[in-house]
Amino acid sequence: MIITAIILASLAAFCLALGTHFQQYAVATMAPGPKRRATWITGLGLMGMVTVLNVIALGLGPVAIVQPIGAISLVFAALISRRFFGLALGAPLLISIGVTMFGIFAFVTTSAQFSHELVATQESVTWMLAILVALTVFGTLFAFSTAGHIPRVVMTGIIFGTVAAATHVLARTVVAGGLPGFDLLGARWWMVLAAVGLASAVGFWLVQTAYACGPAETVLAGLTVIDPIVAVVIGAAFFGEYTGLTPMAIGLLLAAAAGGIGGVWMLSQFHPRVLDAKTPHDRPSPTAAPAFNDSPVPSESSTHAMSSARTLTRKEQGTRS
């Protein structure tokens, strides 16, 4: 089952890279119209495939193995950008992607050694429900804020990581015993399912705002690093899925997480699109006069020019008289 889960997660990673590029291209570069809507809807369909494939994969394998496979989408994204958008795969970009992938795969390799079958209790499911509701509210407020590209990516990663952990719990529950009833624990199960839908919608909305102010590769990198880290932490803290962690294993997990986050930061700094945005273009010539001045307050030079013009006019009028 784990092999099947890995294959499905790999297919989901490809759909994620392709869907992200479709939506980022539609949101950030295309003018409003039928073509933009068609491109965005195509990306939405691919994102739907990602959700379906991930849900099945999370039902078949541990979240610590399934979620980090999404890091492969960075490779797919770089190849797609190079083939269709002319992205130059220079050393800084390749190093950033390599550092990110190394960090996340070191994280999954370490955490997978301590993976156990999760144990869902009324208390743990209640905590999961509370976290999902809180993130839904906070994520909605965050979407309306003036936060920049990276904070939005981080917030989206936290939301989707929590959603992945909850989805894993729900999927494993169904695989183990079928659909729950409406007893005390079963009612909470259905409430968590509804909360997963709401949190996913908010995360999807938030990631659209991240597309509008940064490159697709940065969004993917943030999601594929932060998402599995959050999912593993929740699985360990509330469902006992990762027990018996030694101090050395904890140190390795922290180092791997730091490496992955460092790779995301490098990608956000050295991506060609980011560097291009930082480079000034079309600077006006020092000798060129502006065509117009749209400032409501006249500058000192324009005030002096107007004053001189009025003085010359008065002198001409005095000469005529």
Protein backbone atom coordinates (compact mmCIF):
# COMPACT_ATOMS: atom_id res chain seq x y z
CA MET A 1 0.00 0.00 0.00
CA ILE A 2 2.88 2.36 0.72
CA ILE A 3 4.24 1.92 -2.83
CA THR A 4 0.80 2.80 -4.23
CA ALA A 5 0.66 5.82 -1.93
CA ILE A 6 4.07 7.00 -3.18
CA ILE A 7 3.00 6.65 -6.83
CA LEU A 8 -0.24 8.56 -6.22
CA ALA A 9 1.61 11.27 -4.30
CA SER A 10 4.11 11.63 -7.17
CA LEU A 11 1.27 12.06 -9.67
CA ALA A 12 -0.25 14.63 -7.32
CA ALA A 13 3.09 16.49 -7.25
CA PHE A 14 3.08 16.76 -11.06
CA CYS A 15 -0.53 17.99 -11.08
CA LEU A 16 0.37 20.47 -8.35
CA ALA A 17 3.25 21.94 -10.37
CA LEU A 18 1.19 22.18 -13.55
CA GLY A 19 -1.92 23.54 -11.82
CA THR A 20 0.11 26.10 -9.89
CA HIS A 21 1.63 27.44 -13.10
CA PHE A 22 -1.75 27.66 -14.82
CA GLN A 23 -3.28 29.59 -11.93
CA GLN A 24 -0.25 31.80 -11.25
CA TYR A 25 -0.04 32.68 -14.94
CA ALA A 26 -3.75 33.50 -15.07
CA VAL A 27 -3.77 35.57 -11.87
CA ALA A 28 -0.53 37.48 -12.33
CA THR A 29 -0.07 38.04 -16.06
CA MET A 30 -3.27 37.58 -18.09
CA ALA A 31 -5.82 40.28 -18.81
CA PRO A 32 -9.42 39.61 -17.72
CA GLY A 33 -11.39 37.67 -20.29
CA PRO A 34 -12.48 34.20 -21.46
CA LYS A 35 -8.90 32.99 -21.98
CA ARG A 36 -7.91 33.96 -18.45
CA ARG A 37 -10.96 32.20 -17.00
CA ALA A 38 -10.29 29.06 -19.03
CA THR A 39 -6.64 28.99 -17.90
CA TRP A 40 -7.59 29.50 -14.26
CA ILE A 41 -10.32 26.84 -14.38
CA THR A 42 -7.86 24.38 -15.94
CA GLY A 43 -5.53 25.01 -13.01
CA LEU A 44 -8.47 24.55 -10.64
CA GLY A 45 -9.24 21.17 -12.19
CA LEU A 46 -5.64 20.07 -11.74
CA MET A 47 -5.77 21.22 -8.11
CA GLY A 48 -8.87 19.08 -7.70
CA MET A 49 -6.90 16.10 -9.01
CA VAL A 50 -4.18 16.89 -6.47
CA THR A 51 -6.75 16.77 -3.66
CA VAL A 52 -8.24 13.45 -4.81
CA LEU A 53 -4.85 11.77 -5.29
CA ASN A 54 -3.54 13.06 -1.94
CA VAL A 55 -6.62 11.94 -0.03
CA ILE A 56 -6.24 8.40 -1.40
CA ALA A 57 -2.49 8.41 -0.75
CA LEU A 58 -2.99 9.65 2.82
CA GLY A 59 -5.41 6.80 3.40
CA LEU A 60 -2.81 4.27 2.28
CA GLY A 61 0.41 5.59 3.83
CA PRO A 62 1.81 7.67 6.73
CA VAL A 63 1.60 11.44 6.37
CA ALA A 64 5.36 11.72 6.97
CA ILE A 65 5.97 9.78 3.75
CA VAL A 66 3.11 11.01 1.57
CA GLN A 67 3.22 14.77 2.17
CA PRO A 68 6.94 15.46 1.59
CA ILE A 69 6.78 13.77 -1.82
CA GLY A 70 5.16 17.01 -2.92
CA ALA A 71 8.68 18.47 -2.96
CA ILE A 72 9.15 16.73 -6.32
CA SER A 73 6.78 19.36 -7.70
CA LEU A 74 9.66 21.84 -7.46
CA VAL A 75 11.56 19.87 -10.10
CA PHE A 76 8.46 19.62 -12.28
CA ALA A 77 7.83 23.35 -11.81
CA ALA A 78 11.38 24.28 -12.85
CA LEU A 79 11.12 22.14 -15.99
CA ILE A 80 7.70 23.58 -16.87
CA SER A 81 8.97 27.14 -16.38
CA ARG A 82 12.01 26.45 -18.52
CA ARG A 83 10.02 24.80 -21.32
CA PHE A 84 7.02 27.11 -21.54
CA PHE A 85 8.05 30.37 -19.85
CA GLY A 86 11.72 30.62 -20.77
CA LEU A 87 12.97 30.48 -17.18
CA ALA A 88 16.77 30.41 -16.98
CA LEU A 89 17.86 27.54 -14.73
CA GLY A 90 20.94 29.26 -13.33
CA ALA A 91 23.09 28.06 -10.46
CA PRO A 92 21.29 30.10 -7.71
CA LEU A 93 17.90 28.66 -8.68
CA LEU A 94 19.16 25.08 -8.94
CA ILE A 95 21.02 25.34 -5.62
CA SER A 96 17.91 26.75 -3.93
CA ILE A 97 15.76 23.89 -5.23
CA GLY A 98 18.42 21.34 -4.26
CA VAL A 99 18.72 22.68 -0.70
CA THR A 100 14.93 22.69 -0.30
CA MET A 101 14.53 19.13 -1.53
CA PHE A 102 17.46 17.84 0.52
CA GLY A 103 16.01 19.37 3.67
CA ILE A 104 12.53 17.98 3.16
CA PHE A 105 13.70 14.49 2.18
CA ALA A 106 16.05 14.39 5.18
CA PHE A 107 13.03 15.30 7.29
CA VAL A 108 10.84 12.54 5.84
CA THR A 109 13.60 9.92 6.02
CA THR A 110 14.14 10.63 9.70
CA SER A 111 10.47 10.89 10.69
CA ALA A 112 9.46 7.76 8.74
CA GLN A 113 11.71 5.62 10.97
CA PHE A 114 9.49 6.45 13.95
CA SER A 115 6.10 6.21 12.22
CA HIS A 116 3.32 4.27 13.98
CA GLU A 117 -0.38 3.76 13.41
CA LEU A 118 -2.25 6.82 14.67
CA VAL A 119 -4.66 6.69 17.61
CA ALA A 120 -7.69 8.99 17.32
CA THR A 121 -9.42 9.80 20.61
CA GLN A 122 -12.27 12.18 21.42
CA GLU A 123 -9.80 14.64 22.93
CA SER A 124 -7.40 14.56 19.96
CA VAL A 125 -10.22 14.93 17.42
CA THR A 126 -11.64 17.86 19.42
CA TRP A 127 -8.24 19.58 19.41
CA MET A 128 -7.97 19.02 15.67
CA LEU A 129 -11.39 20.57 15.15
CA ALA A 130 -10.48 23.61 17.27
CA ILE A 131 -7.24 24.17 15.35
CA LEU A 132 -9.01 23.95 11.99
CA VAL A 133 -11.66 26.47 13.04
CA ALA A 134 -9.03 28.86 14.43
CA LEU A 135 -6.93 28.66 11.27
CA THR A 136 -9.99 29.22 9.10
CA VAL A 137 -10.82 32.45 10.94
CA PHE A 138 -7.22 33.66 11.11
CA GLY A 139 -6.53 32.74 7.49
CA THR A 140 -9.56 34.75 6.35
CA LEU A 141 -8.32 37.82 8.23
CA PHE A 142 -4.80 37.22 6.90
CA ALA A 143 -6.06 37.21 3.30
CA PHE A 144 -7.36 40.77 3.75
CA SER A 145 -4.13 41.99 5.37
CA THR A 146 -1.22 43.79 3.72
CA ALA A 147 1.16 40.87 4.31
CA GLY A 148 3.75 40.20 1.61
CA HIS A 149 4.39 37.16 -0.56
CA ILE A 150 6.44 35.03 1.85
CA PRO A 151 4.15 35.52 4.90
CA ARG A 152 1.20 34.49 2.74
CA VAL A 153 3.06 31.37 1.58
CA VAL A 154 3.92 30.49 5.20
CA MET A 155 0.33 30.94 6.36
CA THR A 156 -0.96 28.85 3.47
CA GLY A 157 1.55 26.10 4.30
CA ILE A 158 0.36 26.02 7.93
CA ILE A 159 -3.28 25.76 6.86
CA PHE A 160 -2.69 23.04 4.28
CA GLY A 161 -0.40 21.13 6.66
CA THR A 162 -3.17 21.04 9.24
CA VAL A 163 -5.68 20.05 6.56
CA ALA A 164 -3.35 17.23 5.45
CA ALA A 165 -3.05 15.93 9.01
CA ALA A 166 -6.84 16.01 9.48
CA THR A 167 -7.40 14.37 6.10
CA HIS A 168 -4.95 11.63 7.03
CA VAL A 169 -6.84 10.97 10.28
CA LEU A 170 -10.19 10.90 8.48
CA ALA A 171 -8.92 8.67 5.67
CA ARG A 172 -7.28 6.19 8.04
CA THR A 173 -10.49 6.08 10.08
CA VAL A 174 -12.50 5.15 6.99
CA VAL A 175 -9.93 2.57 5.84
CA ALA A 176 -9.88 0.95 9.29
CA GLY A 177 -13.59 0.88 10.11
CA GLY A 178 -15.67 2.46 7.35
CA LEU A 179 -17.67 5.65 7.66
CA PRO A 180 -18.32 6.60 11.31
CA GLY A 181 -21.83 6.89 12.62
CA PHE A 182 -23.31 9.81 14.54
CA ASP A 183 -22.29 8.84 18.05
CA LEU A 184 -20.09 11.19 20.12
CA LEU A 185 -16.85 10.46 18.24
CA GLY A 186 -18.63 10.02 14.91
CA ALA A 187 -20.30 13.44 15.19
CA ARG A 188 -16.91 15.04 15.78
CA TRP A 189 -15.61 13.16 12.72
CA TRP A 190 -18.24 14.77 10.50
CA MET A 191 -17.57 18.18 12.06
CA VAL A 192 -13.85 17.78 11.31
CA LEU A 193 -14.73 16.88 7.72
CA ALA A 194 -16.74 20.10 7.38
CA ALA A 195 -13.92 22.10 8.99
CA VAL A 196 -11.43 20.56 6.54
CA GLY A 197 -13.58 21.82 3.66
CA LEU A 198 -13.75 25.35 5.06
CA ALA A 199 -10.04 25.50 5.90
CA SER A 200 -9.16 24.20 2.42
CA ALA A 201 -11.27 26.91 0.82
CA VAL A 202 -9.54 29.61 2.87
CA GLY A 203 -6.11 28.16 2.07
CA PHE A 204 -6.98 28.04 -1.62
CA TRP A 205 -8.12 31.67 -1.51
CA LEU A 206 -4.96 32.71 0.33
CA VAL A 207 -2.67 30.97 -2.15
CA GLN A 208 -4.32 32.92 -5.00
CA THR A 209 -3.19 36.13 -3.32
CA ALA A 210 0.32 34.68 -3.06
CA TYR A 211 0.33 33.92 -6.80
CA ALA A 212 -0.45 37.56 -7.52
CA CYS A 213 2.68 38.86 -5.79
CA GLY A 214 5.40 36.25 -6.34
CA PRO A 215 6.68 33.37 -8.50
CA ALA A 216 5.04 29.96 -8.60
CA GLU A 217 8.22 28.17 -7.53
CA THR A 218 8.30 30.09 -4.23
CA VAL A 219 4.69 29.12 -3.51
CA LEU A 220 5.43 25.47 -4.25
CA ALA A 221 8.61 25.50 -2.17
CA GLY A 222 6.85 27.01 0.82
CA LEU A 223 3.95 24.58 0.63
CA THR A 224 6.10 21.49 0.13
CA VAL A 225 8.31 22.39 3.11
CA ILE A 226 5.92 23.89 5.66
CA ASP A 227 2.99 21.60 4.84
CA PRO A 228 4.64 18.25 5.81
CA ILE A 229 6.42 19.74 8.82
CA VAL A 230 3.11 20.98 10.26
CA ALA A 231 1.39 17.67 9.41
CA VAL A 232 4.09 15.62 11.14
CA VAL A 233 4.06 17.84 14.24
CA ILE A 234 0.28 17.49 14.55
CA GLY A 235 0.47 13.73 13.99
CA ALA A 236 3.09 13.44 16.72
CA ALA A 237 1.49 15.83 19.19
CA PHE A 238 -2.16 14.73 19.02
CA PHE A 239 -2.30 11.23 17.51
CA GLY A 240 0.86 9.49 18.69
CA GLU A 241 1.92 8.72 15.13
CA TYR A 242 5.60 9.42 15.81
CA THR A 243 6.64 8.08 19.20
CA GLY A 244 10.02 7.15 20.61
CA LEU A 245 11.88 10.04 18.99
CA THR A 246 15.44 10.14 20.32
CA PRO A 247 17.28 13.41 21.02
CA MET A 248 19.45 12.76 17.96
CA ALA A 249 16.35 12.21 15.79
CA ILE A 250 14.80 15.44 17.09
CA GLY A 251 18.04 17.27 16.30
CA LEU A 252 18.07 15.84 12.77
CA LEU A 253 14.44 16.81 12.25
CA LEU A 254 15.12 20.38 13.38
CA ALA A 255 18.21 20.62 11.16
CA ALA A 256 16.33 19.22 8.16
CA ALA A 257 13.42 21.61 8.74
CA ALA A 258 15.84 24.54 9.01
CA GLY A 259 17.52 23.44 5.78
CA GLY A 260 14.22 23.23 3.94
CA ILE A 261 13.10 26.63 5.20
CA GLY A 262 16.50 28.06 4.26
CA GLY A 263 16.05 26.70 0.74
CA VAL A 264 12.68 28.44 0.47
CA TRP A 265 14.29 31.71 1.60
CA MET A 266 17.05 31.30 -1.00
CA LEU A 267 14.45 30.65 -3.67
CA SER A 268 12.54 33.78 -2.65
CA GLN A 269 15.74 35.85 -2.95
CA PHE A 270 17.44 34.40 -6.03
CA HIS A 271 14.56 33.42 -8.29
CA PRO A 272 15.11 35.08 -11.72
CA ARG A 273 11.70 36.76 -11.58
CA VAL A 274 12.49 38.24 -8.17
CA LEU A 275 15.91 39.43 -9.29
CA ASP A 276 14.39 40.93 -12.42
CA ALA A 277 11.85 42.83 -10.32
CA LYS A 278 14.68 44.27 -8.21
CA THR A 279 16.57 45.50 -11.29
CA PRO A 280 15.55 49.03 -12.33
CA HIS A 281 14.33 49.31 -15.91
CA ASP A 282 13.80 52.24 -18.26
CA ARG A 283 15.37 54.88 -16.07
CA PRO A 284 14.63 58.37 -17.45
CA SER A 285 17.55 60.26 -18.95
CA PRO A 286 18.84 63.12 -16.75
CA THR A 287 18.47 65.52 -19.68
CA ALA A 288 14.98 64.41 -20.66
CA ALA A 289 12.13 66.64 -19.57
CA PRO A 290 9.00 64.94 -18.20
CA ALA A 291 6.00 65.00 -20.48
CA PHE A 292 3.72 65.99 -17.63
CA ASN A 293 3.64 66.32 -13.89
CA ASP A 294 0.73 64.53 -12.22
CA SER A 295 1.68 65.63 -8.72
CA PRO A 296 -1.01 67.79 -7.08
CA VAL A 297 1.69 69.89 -5.39
CA PRO A 298 3.90 71.92 -7.78
CA SER A 299 7.60 71.35 -7.46
CA GLU A 300 10.07 74.09 -6.63
CA SER A 301 11.32 74.26 -10.23
CA SER A 302 7.82 74.48 -11.69
CA THR A 303 6.87 77.20 -9.18
CA HIS A 304 9.97 79.20 -10.14
CA ALA A 305 9.15 78.81 -13.85
CA MET A 306 5.57 79.98 -13.39
CA SER A 307 6.75 82.97 -11.33
CA SER A 308 9.24 83.97 -14.06
CA ALA A 309 6.54 83.67 -16.72
CA ARG A 310 4.21 85.95 -14.76
CA THR A 311 7.03 88.52 -14.31
CA LEU A 312 7.78 88.57 -18.06
CA THR A 313 4.07 88.99 -18.81
CA ARG A 314 3.84 92.00 -16.48
CA LYS A 315 6.92 93.58 -18.08
CA GLU A 316 5.44 93.12 -21.57
CA GLN A 317 2.19 94.68 -20.47
CA GLY A 318 4.08 97.68 -18.98
CA THR A 319 6.04 98.13 -22.21
CA ARG A 320 2.84 98.20 -24.29
CA SER A 321 1.26 100.80 -21.93
